[in-house]
Amino acid sequence: MTEPTMKERLKDESFWLRLPFMLLFFFAWRLAELILLGVIFVQVVFRLFKGEPQEQLLKFASQLTCFSYQTFRYLTFNSETKPFPFSAWPKAVAVDDNPYVPSDHTETKENSAE
């Protein structure tokens, strides 16, 4: 199989159709970045005054970061799947454990070593 020439690659319709979508998703990513900064600020305020993050914002931030990841993959040619609104809005990912609080299994290992 021979590699396509530059002239053939320039005539590739799928590449030229992808460019406007890439521009659209670049601006969507920038907008998502601004929204995420707002979510971060509000979460900091909630954490400061309420002692814990706001649950709905946790879910939304998780979905927004997943959308950003899908957008990065599309923009870097790692995926041919177009992100939202051309596919489903991403589902939220579970919140990570608090890294600043020791987990029970660490204490169990220390106790068993004694």
PDB file of N, CA and C in Angstrom:
ATOM      1  N   MET A   1       0.845  -1.178   0.000  1.00  0.00           N
ATOM      2  CA  MET A   1       0.000   0.000   0.000  1.00  0.00           C
ATOM      3  C   MET A   1       0.890   1.241   0.000  1.00  0.00           C
ATOM      4  N   THR A   2       0.625   2.145  -0.880  1.00  0.00           N
ATOM      5  CA  THR A   2       1.436   3.349  -0.975  1.00  0.00           C
ATOM      6  C   THR A   2       0.847   4.454  -0.111  1.00  0.00           C
ATOM      7  N   GLU A   3       1.742   5.295   0.347  1.00  0.00           N
ATOM      8  CA  GLU A   3       1.310   6.422   1.175  1.00  0.00           C
ATOM      9  C   GLU A   3       0.731   7.512   0.272  1.00  0.00           C
ATOM     10  N   PRO A   4      -0.366   8.148   0.718  1.00  0.00           N
ATOM     11  CA  PRO A   4      -0.965   9.198  -0.117  1.00  0.00           C
ATOM     12  C   PRO A   4      -0.019  10.385  -0.288  1.00  0.00           C
ATOM     13  N   THR A   5      -0.076  10.981  -1.433  1.00  0.00           N
ATOM     14  CA  THR A   5       0.765  12.140  -1.708  1.00  0.00           C
ATOM     15  C   THR A   5       0.166  13.377  -1.036  1.00  0.00           C
ATOM     16  N   MET A   6       0.941  14.430  -1.019  1.00  0.00           N
ATOM     17  CA  MET A   6       0.481  15.683  -0.415  1.00  0.00           C
ATOM     18  C   MET A   6      -0.770  16.176  -1.140  1.00  0.00           C
ATOM     19  N   LYS A   7      -0.795  16.053  -2.431  1.00  0.00           N
ATOM     20  CA  LYS A   7      -1.947  16.503  -3.213  1.00  0.00           C
ATOM     21  C   LYS A   7      -3.209  15.731  -2.817  1.00  0.00           C
ATOM     22  N   GLU A   8      -3.072  14.422  -2.608  1.00  0.00           N
ATOM     23  CA  GLU A   8      -4.211  13.596  -2.189  1.00  0.00           C
ATOM     24  C   GLU A   8      -4.663  13.952  -0.775  1.00  0.00           C
ATOM     25  N   ARG A   9      -3.690  14.231   0.094  1.00  0.00           N
ATOM     26  CA  ARG A   9      -4.049  14.606   1.472  1.00  0.00           C
ATOM     27  C   ARG A   9      -4.759  15.957   1.498  1.00  0.00           C
ATOM     28  N   LEU A  10      -4.358  16.875   0.615  1.00  0.00           N
ATOM     29  CA  LEU A  10      -5.029  18.177   0.548  1.00  0.00           C
ATOM     30  C   LEU A  10      -6.447  18.058   0.020  1.00  0.00           C
ATOM     31  N   LYS A  11      -6.716  17.026  -0.721  1.00  0.00           N
ATOM     32  CA  LYS A  11      -8.063  16.807  -1.262  1.00  0.00           C
ATOM     33  C   LYS A  11      -8.939  16.003  -0.307  1.00  0.00           C
ATOM     34  N   ASP A  12      -8.379  15.563   0.806  1.00  0.00           N
ATOM     35  CA  ASP A  12      -9.125  14.743   1.763  1.00  0.00           C
ATOM     36  C   ASP A  12     -10.236  15.577   2.409  1.00  0.00           C
ATOM     37  N   GLU A  13     -11.463  15.242   2.063  1.00  0.00           N
ATOM     38  CA  GLU A  13     -12.627  15.986   2.536  1.00  0.00           C
ATOM     39  C   GLU A  13     -12.797  15.901   4.055  1.00  0.00           C
ATOM     40  N   SER A  14     -12.515  14.740   4.639  1.00  0.00           N
ATOM     41  CA  SER A  14     -12.716  14.569   6.079  1.00  0.00           C
ATOM     42  C   SER A  14     -11.803  15.499   6.882  1.00  0.00           C
ATOM     43  N   PHE A  15     -10.598  15.744   6.378  1.00  0.00           N
ATOM     44  CA  PHE A  15      -9.695  16.660   7.069  1.00  0.00           C
ATOM     45  C   PHE A  15     -10.254  18.079   7.055  1.00  0.00           C
ATOM     46  N   TRP A  16     -10.728  18.535   5.913  1.00  0.00           N
ATOM     47  CA  TRP A  16     -11.249  19.895   5.794  1.00  0.00           C
ATOM     48  C   TRP A  16     -12.550  20.067   6.562  1.00  0.00           C
ATOM     49  N   LEU A  17     -13.328  18.999   6.683  1.00  0.00           N
ATOM     50  CA  LEU A  17     -14.548  19.078   7.491  1.00  0.00           C
ATOM     51  C   LEU A  17     -14.227  19.095   8.987  1.00  0.00           C
ATOM     52  N   ARG A  18     -13.121  18.486   9.345  1.00  0.00           N
ATOM     53  CA  ARG A  18     -12.737  18.426  10.754  1.00  0.00           C
ATOM     54  C   ARG A  18     -12.258  19.795  11.261  1.00  0.00           C
ATOM     55  N   LEU A  19     -11.623  20.586  10.429  1.00  0.00           N
ATOM     56  CA  LEU A  19     -11.049  21.863  10.867  1.00  0.00           C
ATOM     57  C   LEU A  19     -12.057  22.808  11.513  1.00  0.00           C
ATOM     58  N   PRO A  20     -13.246  23.047  10.917  1.00  0.00           N
ATOM     59  CA  PRO A  20     -14.201  23.938  11.613  1.00  0.00           C
ATOM     60  C   PRO A  20     -14.657  23.370  12.959  1.00  0.00           C
ATOM     61  N   PHE A  21     -14.785  22.037  13.038  1.00  0.00           N
ATOM     62  CA  PHE A  21     -15.162  21.431  14.320  1.00  0.00           C
ATOM     63  C   PHE A  21     -14.051  21.629  15.347  1.00  0.00           C
ATOM     64  N   MET A  22     -12.818  21.523  14.908  1.00  0.00           N
ATOM     65  CA  MET A  22     -11.706  21.733  15.830  1.00  0.00           C
ATOM     66  C   MET A  22     -11.708  23.169  16.355  1.00  0.00           C
ATOM     67  N   LEU A  23     -11.985  24.107  15.495  1.00  0.00           N
ATOM     68  CA  LEU A  23     -12.067  25.512  15.923  1.00  0.00           C
ATOM     69  C   LEU A  23     -13.217  25.705  16.914  1.00  0.00           C
ATOM     70  N   LEU A  24     -14.358  25.126  16.607  1.00  0.00           N
ATOM     71  CA  LEU A  24     -15.517  25.198  17.500  1.00  0.00           C
ATOM     72  C   LEU A  24     -15.199  24.606  18.873  1.00  0.00           C
ATOM     73  N   PHE A  25     -14.569  23.427  18.890  1.00  0.00           N
ATOM     74  CA  PHE A  25     -14.268  22.775  20.160  1.00  0.00           C
ATOM     75  C   PHE A  25     -13.130  23.458  20.910  1.00  0.00           C
ATOM     76  N   PHE A  26     -12.250  24.138  20.195  1.00  0.00           N
ATOM     77  CA  PHE A  26     -11.235  24.926  20.881  1.00  0.00           C
ATOM     78  C   PHE A  26     -11.892  26.039  21.692  1.00  0.00           C
ATOM     79  N   PHE A  27     -12.852  26.740  21.090  1.00  0.00           N
ATOM     80  CA  PHE A  27     -13.551  27.808  21.811  1.00  0.00           C
ATOM     81  C   PHE A  27     -14.450  27.239  22.911  1.00  0.00           C
ATOM     82  N   ALA A  28     -15.027  26.072  22.682  1.00  0.00           N
ATOM     83  CA  ALA A  28     -15.833  25.416  23.723  1.00  0.00           C
ATOM     84  C   ALA A  28     -14.947  25.058  24.916  1.00  0.00           C
ATOM     85  N   TRP A  29     -13.737  24.592  24.653  1.00  0.00           N
ATOM     86  CA  TRP A  29     -12.808  24.260  25.729  1.00  0.00           C
ATOM     87  C   TRP A  29     -12.430  25.515  26.517  1.00  0.00           C
ATOM     88  N   ARG A  30     -12.187  26.628  25.816  1.00  0.00           N
ATOM     89  CA  ARG A  30     -11.840  27.867  26.503  1.00  0.00           C
ATOM     90  C   ARG A  30     -12.998  28.347  27.390  1.00  0.00           C
ATOM     91  N   LEU A  31     -14.214  28.208  26.897  1.00  0.00           N
ATOM     92  CA  LEU A  31     -15.388  28.578  27.693  1.00  0.00           C
ATOM     93  C   LEU A  31     -15.510  27.655  28.911  1.00  0.00           C
ATOM     94  N   ALA A  32     -15.295  26.365  28.698  1.00  0.00           N
ATOM     95  CA  ALA A  32     -15.341  25.408  29.810  1.00  0.00           C
ATOM     96  C   ALA A  32     -14.282  25.746  30.856  1.00  0.00           C
ATOM     97  N   GLU A  33     -13.128  26.208  30.405  1.00  0.00           N
ATOM     98  CA  GLU A  33     -12.058  26.603  31.318  1.00  0.00           C
ATOM     99  C   GLU A  33     -12.500  27.776  32.205  1.00  0.00           C
ATOM    100  N   LEU A  34     -13.161  28.756  31.610  1.00  0.00           N
ATOM    101  CA  LEU A  34     -13.656  29.902  32.386  1.00  0.00           C
ATOM    102  C   LEU A  34     -14.730  29.475  33.387  1.00  0.00           C
ATOM    103  N   ILE A  35     -15.630  28.612  32.946  1.00  0.00           N
ATOM    104  CA  ILE A  35     -16.681  28.118  33.846  1.00  0.00           C
ATOM    105  C   ILE A  35     -16.056  27.335  34.987  1.00  0.00           C
ATOM    106  N   LEU A  36     -15.052  26.530  34.671  1.00  0.00           N
ATOM    107  CA  LEU A  36     -14.381  25.747  35.707  1.00  0.00           C
ATOM    108  C   LEU A  36     -13.694  26.647  36.732  1.00  0.00           C
ATOM    109  N   LEU A  37     -13.127  27.757  36.298  1.00  0.00           N
ATOM    110  CA  LEU A  37     -12.539  28.707  37.247  1.00  0.00           C
ATOM    111  C   LEU A  37     -13.608  29.250  38.201  1.00  0.00           C
ATOM    112  N   GLY A  38     -14.791  29.534  37.668  1.00  0.00           N
ATOM    113  CA  GLY A  38     -15.895  29.984  38.523  1.00  0.00           C
ATOM    114  C   GLY A  38     -16.315  28.910  39.519  1.00  0.00           C
ATOM    115  N   VAL A  39     -16.386  27.664  39.063  1.00  0.00           N
ATOM    116  CA  VAL A  39     -16.750  26.551  39.949  1.00  0.00           C
ATOM    117  C   VAL A  39     -15.703  26.392  41.045  1.00  0.00           C
ATOM    118  N   ILE A  40     -14.440  26.518  40.680  1.00  0.00           N
ATOM    119  CA  ILE A  40     -13.364  26.408  41.673  1.00  0.00           C
ATOM    120  C   ILE A  40     -13.520  27.489  42.742  1.00  0.00           C
ATOM    121  N   PHE A  41     -13.763  28.709  42.326  1.00  0.00           N
ATOM    122  CA  PHE A  41     -13.928  29.814  43.277  1.00  0.00           C
ATOM    123  C   PHE A  41     -15.107  29.550  44.212  1.00  0.00           C
ATOM    124  N   VAL A  42     -16.244  29.143  43.654  1.00  0.00           N
ATOM    125  CA  VAL A  42     -17.431  28.891  44.481  1.00  0.00           C
ATOM    126  C   VAL A  42     -17.174  27.726  45.435  1.00  0.00           C
ATOM    127  N   GLN A  43     -16.484  26.685  44.969  1.00  0.00           N
ATOM    128  CA  GLN A  43     -16.186  25.545  45.845  1.00  0.00           C
ATOM    129  C   GLN A  43     -15.262  25.957  46.993  1.00  0.00           C
ATOM    130  N   VAL A  44     -14.309  26.808  46.718  1.00  0.00           N
ATOM    131  CA  VAL A  44     -13.414  27.289  47.781  1.00  0.00           C
ATOM    132  C   VAL A  44     -14.220  28.043  48.835  1.00  0.00           C
ATOM    133  N   VAL A  45     -15.135  28.885  48.388  1.00  0.00           N
ATOM    134  CA  VAL A  45     -15.977  29.638  49.318  1.00  0.00           C
ATOM    135  C   VAL A  45     -16.854  28.681  50.126  1.00  0.00           C
ATOM    136  N   PHE A  46     -17.482  27.700  49.468  1.00  0.00           N
ATOM    137  CA  PHE A  46     -18.300  26.714  50.188  1.00  0.00           C
ATOM    138  C   PHE A  46     -17.465  25.959  51.205  1.00  0.00           C
ATOM    139  N   ARG A  47     -16.284  25.539  50.810  1.00  0.00           N
ATOM    140  CA  ARG A  47     -15.424  24.764  51.708  1.00  0.00           C
ATOM    141  C   ARG A  47     -15.004  25.611  52.898  1.00  0.00           C
ATOM    142  N   LEU A  48     -14.755  26.876  52.654  1.00  0.00           N
ATOM    143  CA  LEU A  48     -14.323  27.783  53.720  1.00  0.00           C
ATOM    144  C   LEU A  48     -15.436  28.018  54.729  1.00  0.00           C
ATOM    145  N   PHE A  49     -16.657  28.281  54.246  1.00  0.00           N
ATOM    146  CA  PHE A  49     -17.747  28.644  55.151  1.00  0.00           C
ATOM    147  C   PHE A  49     -18.606  27.473  55.613  1.00  0.00           C
ATOM    148  N   LYS A  50     -18.766  26.460  54.788  1.00  0.00           N
ATOM    149  CA  LYS A  50     -19.618  25.324  55.153  1.00  0.00           C
ATOM    150  C   LYS A  50     -18.821  24.121  55.649  1.00  0.00           C
ATOM    151  N   GLY A  51     -17.539  24.079  55.357  1.00  0.00           N
ATOM    152  CA  GLY A  51     -16.707  22.968  55.809  1.00  0.00           C
ATOM    153  C   GLY A  51     -16.660  21.804  54.839  1.00  0.00           C
ATOM    154  N   GLU A  52     -17.437  21.863  53.778  1.00  0.00           N
ATOM    155  CA  GLU A  52     -17.416  20.795  52.775  1.00  0.00           C
ATOM    156  C   GLU A  52     -17.839  21.367  51.428  1.00  0.00           C
ATOM    157  N   PRO A  53     -17.396  20.734  50.340  1.00  0.00           N
ATOM    158  CA  PRO A  53     -17.762  21.231  49.016  1.00  0.00           C
ATOM    159  C   PRO A  53     -19.244  21.032  48.724  1.00  0.00           C
ATOM    160  N   GLN A  54     -19.763  21.804  47.809  1.00  0.00           N
ATOM    161  CA  GLN A  54     -21.161  21.716  47.412  1.00  0.00           C
ATOM    162  C   GLN A  54     -21.337  20.526  46.467  1.00  0.00           C
ATOM    163  N   GLU A  55     -22.269  19.635  46.780  1.00  0.00           N
ATOM    164  CA  GLU A  55     -22.428  18.351  46.091  1.00  0.00           C
ATOM    165  C   GLU A  55     -22.745  18.500  44.596  1.00  0.00           C
ATOM    166  N   GLN A  56     -23.674  19.369  44.247  1.00  0.00           N
ATOM    167  CA  GLN A  56     -24.048  19.530  42.839  1.00  0.00           C
ATOM    168  C   GLN A  56     -22.884  20.097  42.024  1.00  0.00           C
ATOM    169  N   LEU A  57     -22.108  20.994  42.632  1.00  0.00           N
ATOM    170  CA  LEU A  57     -20.949  21.537  41.925  1.00  0.00           C
ATOM    171  C   LEU A  57     -19.864  20.485  41.743  1.00  0.00           C
ATOM    172  N   LEU A  58     -19.731  19.568  42.698  1.00  0.00           N
ATOM    173  CA  LEU A  58     -18.782  18.460  42.535  1.00  0.00           C
ATOM    174  C   LEU A  58     -19.132  17.644  41.298  1.00  0.00           C
ATOM    175  N   LYS A  59     -20.415  17.324  41.170  1.00  0.00           N
ATOM    176  CA  LYS A  59     -20.873  16.525  40.031  1.00  0.00           C
ATOM    177  C   LYS A  59     -20.663  17.291  38.725  1.00  0.00           C
ATOM    178  N   PHE A  60     -21.051  18.559  38.707  1.00  0.00           N
ATOM    179  CA  PHE A  60     -20.909  19.368  37.495  1.00  0.00           C
ATOM    180  C   PHE A  60     -19.439  19.526  37.112  1.00  0.00           C
ATOM    181  N   ALA A  61     -18.574  19.786  38.090  1.00  0.00           N
ATOM    182  CA  ALA A  61     -17.142  19.939  37.819  1.00  0.00           C
ATOM    183  C   ALA A  61     -16.560  18.649  37.263  1.00  0.00           C
ATOM    184  N   SER A  62     -17.005  17.511  37.783  1.00  0.00           N
ATOM    185  CA  SER A  62     -16.549  16.223  37.266  1.00  0.00           C
ATOM    186  C   SER A  62     -16.952  16.052  35.805  1.00  0.00           C
ATOM    187  N   GLN A  63     -18.193  16.394  35.496  1.00  0.00           N
ATOM    188  CA  GLN A  63     -18.667  16.293  34.114  1.00  0.00           C
ATOM    189  C   GLN A  63     -17.910  17.263  33.206  1.00  0.00           C
ATOM    190  N   LEU A  64     -17.647  18.456  33.707  1.00  0.00           N
ATOM    191  CA  LEU A  64     -16.952  19.463  32.909  1.00  0.00           C
ATOM    192  C   LEU A  64     -15.506  19.052  32.630  1.00  0.00           C
ATOM    193  N   THR A  65     -14.847  18.458  33.601  1.00  0.00           N
ATOM    194  CA  THR A  65     -13.474  18.000  33.363  1.00  0.00           C
ATOM    195  C   THR A  65     -13.451  16.817  32.394  1.00  0.00           C
ATOM    196  N   CYS A  66     -14.458  15.951  32.461  1.00  0.00           N
ATOM    197  CA  CYS A  66     -14.553  14.853  31.487  1.00  0.00           C
ATOM    198  C   CYS A  66     -14.798  15.404  30.086  1.00  0.00           C
ATOM    199  N   PHE A  67     -15.650  16.429  29.968  1.00  0.00           N
ATOM    200  CA  PHE A  67     -15.885  17.074  28.674  1.00  0.00           C
ATOM    201  C   PHE A  67     -14.586  17.673  28.145  1.00  0.00           C
ATOM    202  N   SER A  68     -13.827  18.332  29.011  1.00  0.00           N
ATOM    203  CA  SER A  68     -12.554  18.926  28.595  1.00  0.00           C
ATOM    204  C   SER A  68     -11.589  17.853  28.104  1.00  0.00           C
ATOM    205  N   TYR A  69     -11.550  16.730  28.799  1.00  0.00           N
ATOM    206  CA  TYR A  69     -10.678  15.624  28.399  1.00  0.00           C
ATOM    207  C   TYR A  69     -11.079  15.099  27.023  1.00  0.00           C
ATOM    208  N   GLN A  70     -12.379  14.900  26.809  1.00  0.00           N
ATOM    209  CA  GLN A  70     -12.855  14.438  25.506  1.00  0.00           C
ATOM    210  C   GLN A  70     -12.495  15.453  24.420  1.00  0.00           C
ATOM    211  N   THR A  71     -12.607  16.729  24.747  1.00  0.00           N
ATOM    212  CA  THR A  71     -12.272  17.782  23.794  1.00  0.00           C
ATOM    213  C   THR A  71     -10.785  17.772  23.468  1.00  0.00           C
ATOM    214  N   PHE A  72      -9.937  17.618  24.485  1.00  0.00           N
ATOM    215  CA  PHE A  72      -8.491  17.531  24.248  1.00  0.00           C
ATOM    216  C   PHE A  72      -8.167  16.360  23.327  1.00  0.00           C
ATOM    217  N   ARG A  73      -8.797  15.219  23.580  1.00  0.00           N
ATOM    218  CA  ARG A  73      -8.534  14.035  22.747  1.00  0.00           C
ATOM    219  C   ARG A  73      -8.935  14.291  21.300  1.00  0.00           C
ATOM    220  N   TYR A  74     -10.056  14.967  21.088  1.00  0.00           N
ATOM    221  CA  TYR A  74     -10.495  15.265  19.733  1.00  0.00           C
ATOM    222  C   TYR A  74      -9.549  16.270  19.064  1.00  0.00           C
ATOM    223  N   LEU A  75      -9.170  17.316  19.789  1.00  0.00           N
ATOM    224  CA  LEU A  75      -8.312  18.354  19.220  1.00  0.00           C
ATOM    225  C   LEU A  75      -6.914  17.846  18.887  1.00  0.00           C
ATOM    226  N   THR A  76      -6.444  16.852  19.617  1.00  0.00           N
ATOM    227  CA  THR A  76      -5.100  16.322  19.394  1.00  0.00           C
ATOM    228  C   THR A  76      -5.100  15.093  18.486  1.00  0.00           C
ATOM    229  N   PHE A  77      -6.225  14.826  17.826  1.00  0.00           N
ATOM    230  CA  PHE A  77      -6.369  13.711  16.883  1.00  0.00           C
ATOM    231  C   PHE A  77      -6.245  12.338  17.555  1.00  0.00           C
ATOM    232  N   ASN A  78      -6.421  12.276  18.866  1.00  0.00           N
ATOM    233  CA  ASN A  78      -6.414  10.994  19.572  1.00  0.00           C
ATOM    234  C   ASN A  78      -7.768  10.321  19.545  1.00  0.00           C
ATOM    235  N   SER A  79      -8.789  11.045  19.096  1.00  0.00           N
ATOM    236  CA  SER A  79     -10.135  10.493  19.009  1.00  0.00           C
ATOM    237  C   SER A  79     -10.834  11.112  17.812  1.00  0.00           C
ATOM    238  N   GLU A  80     -11.636  10.314  17.158  1.00  0.00           N
ATOM    239  CA  GLU A  80     -12.461  10.808  16.060  1.00  0.00           C
ATOM    240  C   GLU A  80     -13.870  11.131  16.540  1.00  0.00           C
ATOM    241  N   THR A  81     -14.179  10.798  17.783  1.00  0.00           N
ATOM    242  CA  THR A  81     -15.496  11.049  18.345  1.00  0.00           C
ATOM    243  C   THR A  81     -15.600  12.501  18.781  1.00  0.00           C
ATOM    244  N   LYS A  82     -16.577  13.189  18.247  1.00  0.00           N
ATOM    245  CA  LYS A  82     -16.786  14.586  18.629  1.00  0.00           C
ATOM    246  C   LYS A  82     -17.433  14.635  20.010  1.00  0.00           C
ATOM    247  N   PRO A  83     -16.956  15.549  20.862  1.00  0.00           N
ATOM    248  CA  PRO A  83     -17.559  15.686  22.193  1.00  0.00           C
ATOM    249  C   PRO A  83     -18.971  16.269  22.117  1.00  0.00           C
ATOM    250  N   PHE A  84     -19.584  16.461  23.290  1.00  0.00           N
ATOM    251  CA  PHE A  84     -20.895  17.086  23.401  1.00  0.00           C
ATOM    252  C   PHE A  84     -20.895  18.379  22.600  1.00  0.00           C
ATOM    253  N   PRO A  85     -21.875  18.702  21.852  1.00  0.00           N
ATOM    254  CA  PRO A  85     -23.236  18.197  21.732  1.00  0.00           C
ATOM    255  C   PRO A  85     -23.409  17.120  20.672  1.00  0.00           C
ATOM    256  N   PHE A  86     -22.314  16.636  20.073  1.00  0.00           N
ATOM    257  CA  PHE A  86     -22.408  15.593  19.058  1.00  0.00           C
ATOM    258  C   PHE A  86     -22.398  14.199  19.661  1.00  0.00           C
ATOM    259  N   SER A  87     -22.117  14.100  20.932  1.00  0.00           N
ATOM    260  CA  SER A  87     -22.236  12.854  21.684  1.00  0.00           C
ATOM    261  C   SER A  87     -22.858  13.205  23.038  1.00  0.00           C
ATOM    262  N   ALA A  88     -23.111  12.205  23.840  1.00  0.00           N
ATOM    263  CA  ALA A  88     -23.779  12.423  25.129  1.00  0.00           C
ATOM    264  C   ALA A  88     -22.888  13.239  26.071  1.00  0.00           C
ATOM    265  N   TRP A  89     -23.543  14.025  26.926  1.00  0.00           N
ATOM    266  CA  TRP A  89     -22.819  14.762  27.969  1.00  0.00           C
ATOM    267  C   TRP A  89     -22.178  13.741  28.899  1.00  0.00           C
ATOM    268  N   PRO A  90     -20.907  13.920  29.276  1.00  0.00           N
ATOM    269  CA  PRO A  90     -20.227  12.919  30.102  1.00  0.00           C
ATOM    270  C   PRO A  90     -20.876  12.747  31.480  1.00  0.00           C
ATOM    271  N   LYS A  91     -20.759  11.544  31.988  1.00  0.00           N
ATOM    272  CA  LYS A  91     -21.249  11.246  33.339  1.00  0.00           C
ATOM    273  C   LYS A  91     -20.182  11.657  34.356  1.00  0.00           C
ATOM    274  N   ALA A  92     -20.632  11.960  35.558  1.00  0.00           N
ATOM    275  CA  ALA A  92     -19.712  12.354  36.626  1.00  0.00           C
ATOM    276  C   ALA A  92     -18.919  11.140  37.094  1.00  0.00           C
ATOM    277  N   VAL A  93     -17.684  11.392  37.477  1.00  0.00           N
ATOM    278  CA  VAL A  93     -16.810  10.362  38.021  1.00  0.00           C
ATOM    279  C   VAL A  93     -16.815  10.523  39.535  1.00  0.00           C
ATOM    280  N   ALA A  94     -16.712   9.420  40.253  1.00  0.00           N
ATOM    281  CA  ALA A  94     -16.733   9.473  41.713  1.00  0.00           C
ATOM    282  C   ALA A  94     -15.587  10.332  42.248  1.00  0.00           C
ATOM    283  N   VAL A  95     -15.849  10.998  43.349  1.00  0.00           N
ATOM    284  CA  VAL A  95     -14.854  11.854  43.999  1.00  0.00           C
ATOM    285  C   VAL A  95     -13.766  10.975  44.595  1.00  0.00           C
ATOM    286  N   ASP A  96     -12.511  11.404  44.445  1.00  0.00           N
ATOM    287  CA  ASP A  96     -11.381  10.677  45.033  1.00  0.00           C
ATOM    288  C   ASP A  96     -11.436  10.755  46.545  1.00  0.00           C
ATOM    289  N   ASP A  97     -10.815   9.775  47.195  1.00  0.00           N
ATOM    290  CA  ASP A  97     -10.686   9.826  48.644  1.00  0.00           C
ATOM    291  C   ASP A  97      -9.832  11.029  49.027  1.00  0.00           C
ATOM    292  N   ASN A  98     -10.045  11.535  50.234  1.00  0.00           N
ATOM    293  CA  ASN A  98      -9.273  12.659  50.727  1.00  0.00           C
ATOM    294  C   ASN A  98      -7.836  12.196  50.991  1.00  0.00           C
ATOM    295  N   PRO A  99      -6.859  12.725  50.269  1.00  0.00           N
ATOM    296  CA  PRO A  99      -5.481  12.270  50.465  1.00  0.00           C
ATOM    297  C   PRO A  99      -4.860  12.762  51.773  1.00  0.00           C
ATOM    298  N   TYR A 100      -5.535  13.684  52.443  1.00  0.00           N
ATOM    299  CA  TYR A 100      -4.985  14.254  53.667  1.00  0.00           C
ATOM    300  C   TYR A 100      -5.457  13.529  54.922  1.00  0.00           C
ATOM    301  N   VAL A 101      -6.360  12.573  54.756  1.00  0.00           N
ATOM    302  CA  VAL A 101      -6.859  11.804  55.885  1.00  0.00           C
ATOM    303  C   VAL A 101      -6.384  10.363  55.714  1.00  0.00           C
ATOM    304  N   PRO A 102      -5.691   9.812  56.711  1.00  0.00           N
ATOM    305  CA  PRO A 102      -5.219   8.425  56.574  1.00  0.00           C
ATOM    306  C   PRO A 102      -6.396   7.471  56.409  1.00  0.00           C
ATOM    307  N   SER A 103      -6.230   6.496  55.544  1.00  0.00           N
ATOM    308  CA  SER A 103      -7.290   5.511  55.336  1.00  0.00           C
ATOM    309  C   SER A 103      -7.125   4.374  56.331  1.00  0.00           C
ATOM    310  N   ASP A 104      -8.181   3.587  56.513  1.00  0.00           N
ATOM    311  CA  ASP A 104      -8.181   2.497  57.485  1.00  0.00           C
ATOM    312  C   ASP A 104      -7.156   1.424  57.151  1.00  0.00           C
ATOM    313  N   HIS A 105      -6.961   1.142  55.856  1.00  0.00           N
ATOM    314  CA  HIS A 105      -6.043   0.059  55.498  1.00  0.00           C
ATOM    315  C   HIS A 105      -4.593   0.400  55.833  1.00  0.00           C
ATOM    316  N   THR A 106      -4.227   1.682  55.918  1.00  0.00           N
ATOM    317  CA  THR A 106      -2.880   2.085  56.322  1.00  0.00           C
ATOM    318  C   THR A 106      -2.672   1.775  57.797  1.00  0.00           C
ATOM    319  N   GLU A 107      -3.688   2.090  58.609  1.00  0.00           N
ATOM    320  CA  GLU A 107      -3.590   1.818  60.043  1.00  0.00           C
ATOM    321  C   GLU A 107      -3.533   0.317  60.299  1.00  0.00           C
ATOM    322  N   THR A 108      -4.250  -0.472  59.519  1.00  0.00           N
ATOM    323  CA  THR A 108      -4.264  -1.922  59.678  1.00  0.00           C
ATOM    324  C   THR A 108      -2.889  -2.489  59.382  1.00  0.00           C
ATOM    325  N   LYS A 109      -2.208  -1.983  58.357  1.00  0.00           N
ATOM    326  CA  LYS A 109      -0.864  -2.461  58.017  1.00  0.00           C
ATOM    327  C   LYS A 109       0.109  -2.134  59.139  1.00  0.00           C
ATOM    328  N   GLU A 110      -0.013  -0.912  59.707  1.00  0.00           N
ATOM    329  CA  GLU A 110       0.870  -0.536  60.801  1.00  0.00           C
ATOM    330  C   GLU A 110       0.638  -1.412  62.023  1.00  0.00           C
ATOM    331  N   ASN A 111      -0.631  -1.709  62.336  1.00  0.00           N
ATOM    332  CA  ASN A 111      -0.942  -2.540  63.498  1.00  0.00           C
ATOM    333  C   ASN A 111      -0.474  -3.970  63.293  1.00  0.00           C
ATOM    334  N   SER A 112      -0.554  -4.485  62.068  1.00  0.00           N
ATOM    335  CA  SER A 112      -0.146  -5.863  61.839  1.00  0.00           C
ATOM    336  C   SER A 112       1.354  -6.013  61.845  1.00  0.00           C
ATOM    337  N   ALA A 113       2.096  -4.919  61.604  1.00  0.00           N
ATOM    338  CA  ALA A 113       3.554  -4.966  61.615  1.00  0.00           C
ATOM    339  C   ALA A 113       4.103  -5.048  63.025  1.00  0.00           C
ATOM    340  N   GLU A 114       3.312  -4.662  64.017  1.00  0.00           N
ATOM    341  CA  GLU A 114       3.775  -4.654  65.415  1.00  0.00           C
ATOM    342  C   GLU A 114       3.836  -5.994  66.012  1.00  0.00           C
TER     343      GLU A 114
END
